Amino acid sequence: MSRRELFHLTLKGLLAWLVLSGLVLYFGEWLIKGLFPLLKAVMITMAPDFSPSLKLMKSAQSQLDYSIELSVWVLLRPIYLNASHFIPPGTELKSSAHLLHSFVPLVIEGSILLIWPVQGWRQRLLLIGLGLLTSALVVMATLPALLLGKLEISFQDIAESGSNPRAVPWFVDWMVFCEMGGRWLLAIAIAWLCITLQRAILRA
């Protein structure tokens, strides 16, 4: 690839990033609300002792700036922290995540798929369709772990202050991995999966 081609590809990537960021900014509220049922189902699977509830909180500084707030109620049995500390049933716990932060992997995946070289509109539309389908999977794989992981970290220090502390839930490690750059790698891997599937479908 020549320097000129690389320059044009970089410009197209920046343009795709800006367009997708704008779409997420204006339509993110509608999109995330549509995913709430799936997010709740994933959270119940990950943490069956919790009853989750999700809502959007609008920032006081901007009408387009939202946070996703998770409220969970501890169900019928107390949650063990250590030998002397438990979270009693009926306790409400909360955490939140910035909406635009949660959609960064979607913007990365979409940008790659929009600038990937293709030979016609049929291939491009197929790539976009696969991207739309897999983007929901990316959100399911990252956002529930982020919201639940923040809850768990908030009282893990209490657990480790006593004897026989509970084991750290697996999704806390996954959350840390995602926040350390794993979300970007996941988005790139999913984009490559879409490209591979597109090639396989067109060869069939």
Protein backbone atom coordinates (compact mmCIF):
# COMPACT_ATOMS: atom_id res chain seq x y z
CA MET A 1 0.00 0.00 0.00
CA SER A 2 1.41 3.39 -1.06
CA ARG A 3 1.69 6.37 1.23
CA ARG A 4 -1.12 8.11 -0.69
CA GLU A 5 -3.45 5.11 -0.29
CA LEU A 6 -2.61 4.88 3.40
CA PHE A 7 -3.37 8.59 3.82
CA HIS A 8 -6.77 8.23 2.11
CA LEU A 9 -7.60 5.16 4.18
CA THR A 10 -6.73 7.04 7.37
CA LEU A 11 -8.95 9.96 6.34
CA LYS A 12 -11.83 7.60 5.57
CA GLY A 13 -11.35 5.93 8.95
CA LEU A 14 -11.49 9.27 10.77
CA LEU A 15 -14.59 10.26 8.82
CA ALA A 16 -16.30 6.95 9.63
CA TRP A 17 -15.36 7.39 13.29
CA LEU A 18 -16.86 10.89 13.38
CA VAL A 19 -20.07 9.83 11.61
CA LEU A 20 -20.62 6.82 13.85
CA SER A 21 -19.80 8.85 16.97
CA GLY A 22 -22.43 11.39 15.91
CA LEU A 23 -25.01 8.66 15.35
CA VAL A 24 -24.29 7.17 18.77
CA LEU A 25 -24.52 10.62 20.34
CA TYR A 26 -27.97 11.31 18.90
CA PHE A 27 -29.49 7.81 18.78
CA GLY A 28 -27.68 6.13 21.68
CA GLU A 29 -30.59 6.67 24.07
CA TRP A 30 -33.00 4.83 21.78
CA LEU A 31 -30.48 2.06 21.06
CA ILE A 32 -29.55 1.31 24.66
CA LYS A 33 -33.19 1.28 25.80
CA GLY A 34 -33.91 -1.33 23.15
CA LEU A 35 -31.10 -3.47 24.57
CA PHE A 36 -32.24 -3.18 28.21
CA PRO A 37 -34.16 -6.52 28.22
CA LEU A 38 -31.14 -8.40 26.85
CA LEU A 39 -28.77 -6.65 29.26
CA LYS A 40 -30.96 -7.59 32.22
CA ALA A 41 -31.10 -11.22 31.08
CA VAL A 42 -27.31 -11.37 30.83
CA MET A 43 -26.92 -9.79 34.27
CA ILE A 44 -29.31 -12.27 35.88
CA THR A 45 -27.27 -15.09 34.34
CA MET A 46 -24.02 -13.59 35.62
CA ALA A 47 -25.27 -12.70 39.11
CA PRO A 48 -28.40 -14.74 39.96
CA ASP A 49 -28.53 -13.34 43.51
CA PHE A 50 -29.35 -9.88 42.13
CA SER A 51 -32.54 -8.47 40.65
CA PRO A 52 -31.35 -5.76 38.21
CA SER A 53 -33.07 -2.62 37.01
CA LEU A 54 -31.67 -0.24 34.38
CA LYS A 55 -32.41 3.38 33.56
CA LEU A 56 -30.83 6.31 31.75
CA MET A 57 -29.77 9.36 33.70
CA LYS A 58 -29.41 12.66 31.81
CA SER A 59 -26.47 14.88 32.66
CA ALA A 60 -27.24 18.32 34.07
CA GLN A 61 -24.52 19.83 31.84
CA SER A 62 -25.68 18.45 28.48
CA GLN A 63 -28.96 17.26 27.02
CA LEU A 64 -27.10 14.63 24.97
CA ASP A 65 -24.93 13.26 27.78
CA TYR A 66 -26.35 10.16 29.47
CA SER A 67 -25.26 7.61 32.03
CA ILE A 68 -26.65 4.10 32.40
CA GLU A 69 -27.59 3.44 36.02
CA LEU A 70 -27.87 -0.07 37.37
CA SER A 71 -29.91 -0.68 40.53
CA VAL A 72 -29.93 -4.20 41.94
CA TRP A 73 -31.83 -5.66 44.85
CA VAL A 74 -30.39 -8.53 46.83
CA LEU A 75 -32.98 -11.31 46.66
CA LEU A 76 -34.03 -13.86 49.24
CA ARG A 77 -30.68 -14.92 50.66
CA PRO A 78 -27.81 -12.79 52.01
CA ILE A 79 -24.66 -12.47 49.93
CA TYR A 80 -21.55 -13.77 51.64
CA LEU A 81 -18.55 -11.40 51.81
CA ASN A 82 -16.46 -12.92 54.59
CA ALA A 83 -16.95 -14.76 57.88
CA SER A 84 -18.44 -11.70 59.58
CA HIS A 85 -19.94 -9.63 56.77
CA PHE A 86 -22.98 -10.32 54.59
CA ILE A 87 -25.17 -8.19 52.35
CA PRO A 88 -28.70 -8.72 53.72
CA PRO A 89 -31.74 -9.42 51.51
CA GLY A 90 -33.58 -6.32 50.39
CA THR A 91 -30.44 -4.20 50.08
CA GLU A 92 -30.30 -1.92 47.05
CA LEU A 93 -26.94 -1.43 45.30
CA LYS A 94 -26.16 0.97 42.46
CA SER A 95 -23.50 1.57 39.83
CA SER A 96 -23.35 3.54 36.59
CA ALA A 97 -21.45 3.81 33.31
CA HIS A 98 -21.23 6.58 30.75
CA LEU A 99 -23.35 5.82 27.69
CA LEU A 100 -20.83 6.97 25.08
CA HIS A 101 -18.04 5.08 26.85
CA SER A 102 -20.12 1.90 26.58
CA PHE A 103 -20.55 2.33 22.83
CA VAL A 104 -16.87 2.82 21.96
CA PRO A 105 -16.45 -0.82 20.78
CA LEU A 106 -19.39 -0.36 18.40
CA VAL A 107 -17.79 2.72 16.87
CA ILE A 108 -14.49 0.89 16.44
CA GLU A 109 -16.11 -2.14 14.82
CA GLY A 110 -18.32 -0.03 12.58
CA SER A 111 -15.43 2.16 11.45
CA ILE A 112 -13.40 -0.88 10.39
CA LEU A 113 -16.32 -2.39 8.46
CA LEU A 114 -17.16 0.89 6.71
CA ILE A 115 -13.65 1.41 5.32
CA TRP A 116 -12.75 -2.23 4.61
CA PRO A 117 -12.07 -2.62 0.86
CA VAL A 118 -14.89 -4.36 -1.00
CA GLN A 119 -15.73 -4.93 -4.65
CA GLY A 120 -19.33 -3.74 -4.65
CA TRP A 121 -22.33 -2.53 -2.68
CA ARG A 122 -23.51 -6.10 -2.12
CA GLN A 123 -20.40 -6.88 -0.12
CA ARG A 124 -20.60 -3.58 1.76
CA LEU A 125 -24.24 -4.10 2.73
CA LEU A 126 -23.49 -7.63 3.86
CA LEU A 127 -20.63 -6.34 6.02
CA ILE A 128 -22.85 -3.66 7.54
CA GLY A 129 -25.61 -6.20 8.23
CA LEU A 130 -23.20 -8.56 9.96
CA GLY A 131 -21.82 -5.60 11.89
CA LEU A 132 -25.25 -4.61 13.16
CA LEU A 133 -25.95 -8.16 14.33
CA THR A 134 -22.62 -8.62 16.08
CA SER A 135 -22.58 -5.15 17.65
CA ALA A 136 -25.31 -6.23 20.04
CA LEU A 137 -23.10 -9.16 21.07
CA VAL A 138 -20.25 -6.75 21.81
CA VAL A 139 -22.48 -4.70 24.12
CA MET A 140 -23.73 -7.87 25.82
CA ALA A 141 -20.15 -9.02 26.40
CA THR A 142 -18.92 -5.76 27.91
CA LEU A 143 -21.59 -3.55 29.49
CA PRO A 144 -23.14 -6.03 31.99
CA ALA A 145 -19.68 -6.97 33.26
CA LEU A 146 -18.78 -3.29 33.62
CA LEU A 147 -21.89 -2.41 35.65
CA LEU A 148 -21.81 -5.53 37.83
CA GLY A 149 -18.03 -5.36 38.20
CA LYS A 150 -18.25 -1.85 39.62
CA LEU A 151 -20.72 -3.12 42.21
CA GLU A 152 -18.51 -6.03 43.18
CA ILE A 153 -15.38 -3.90 43.49
CA SER A 154 -17.22 -1.46 45.73
CA PHE A 155 -17.55 -4.06 48.49
CA GLN A 156 -14.68 -6.41 47.67
CA ASP A 157 -12.45 -4.41 50.02
CA ILE A 158 -14.89 -5.23 52.82
CA ALA A 159 -14.76 -8.90 51.90
CA GLU A 160 -10.95 -8.97 52.06
CA SER A 161 -10.84 -7.16 55.42
CA GLY A 162 -12.10 -10.23 57.29
CA SER A 163 -11.37 -13.93 57.51
CA ASN A 164 -12.39 -16.39 54.80
CA PRO A 165 -13.17 -13.74 52.15
CA ARG A 166 -15.26 -14.80 49.21
CA ALA A 167 -13.64 -15.42 45.85
CA VAL A 168 -13.70 -12.51 43.41
CA PRO A 169 -16.46 -13.12 40.81
CA TRP A 170 -15.11 -14.07 37.40
CA PHE A 171 -16.69 -11.12 35.63
CA VAL A 172 -14.61 -8.67 37.68
CA ASP A 173 -11.47 -9.96 35.95
CA TRP A 174 -13.25 -9.70 32.60
CA MET A 175 -14.30 -6.11 33.40
CA VAL A 176 -10.71 -5.17 34.28
CA PHE A 177 -9.46 -6.75 31.05
CA CYS A 178 -12.04 -4.85 29.01
CA GLU A 179 -11.26 -1.55 30.70
CA MET A 180 -7.52 -2.06 30.14
CA GLY A 181 -8.01 -2.17 26.37
CA GLY A 182 -9.78 -5.49 25.91
CA ARG A 183 -12.91 -3.75 24.57
CA TRP A 184 -10.87 -2.36 21.69
CA LEU A 185 -9.38 -5.79 20.94
CA LEU A 186 -12.83 -7.37 21.12
CA ALA A 187 -14.23 -4.84 18.65
CA ILE A 188 -11.35 -5.51 16.23
CA ALA A 189 -11.78 -9.28 16.60
CA ILE A 190 -15.53 -9.06 15.94
CA ALA A 191 -14.94 -6.86 12.89
CA TRP A 192 -12.50 -9.46 11.55
CA LEU A 193 -15.10 -12.17 12.23
CA CYS A 194 -17.65 -10.21 10.17
CA ILE A 195 -15.17 -9.90 7.31
CA THR A 196 -14.42 -13.63 7.46
CA LEU A 197 -18.14 -14.50 7.51
CA GLN A 198 -18.81 -12.19 4.59
CA ARG A 199 -16.16 -13.91 2.50
CA ALA A 200 -17.50 -17.33 3.44
CA ILE A 201 -21.10 -16.37 2.59
CA LEU A 202 -20.16 -14.93 -0.80
CA ARG A 203 -18.10 -18.03 -1.67
CA ALA A 204 -20.99 -20.37 -0.79
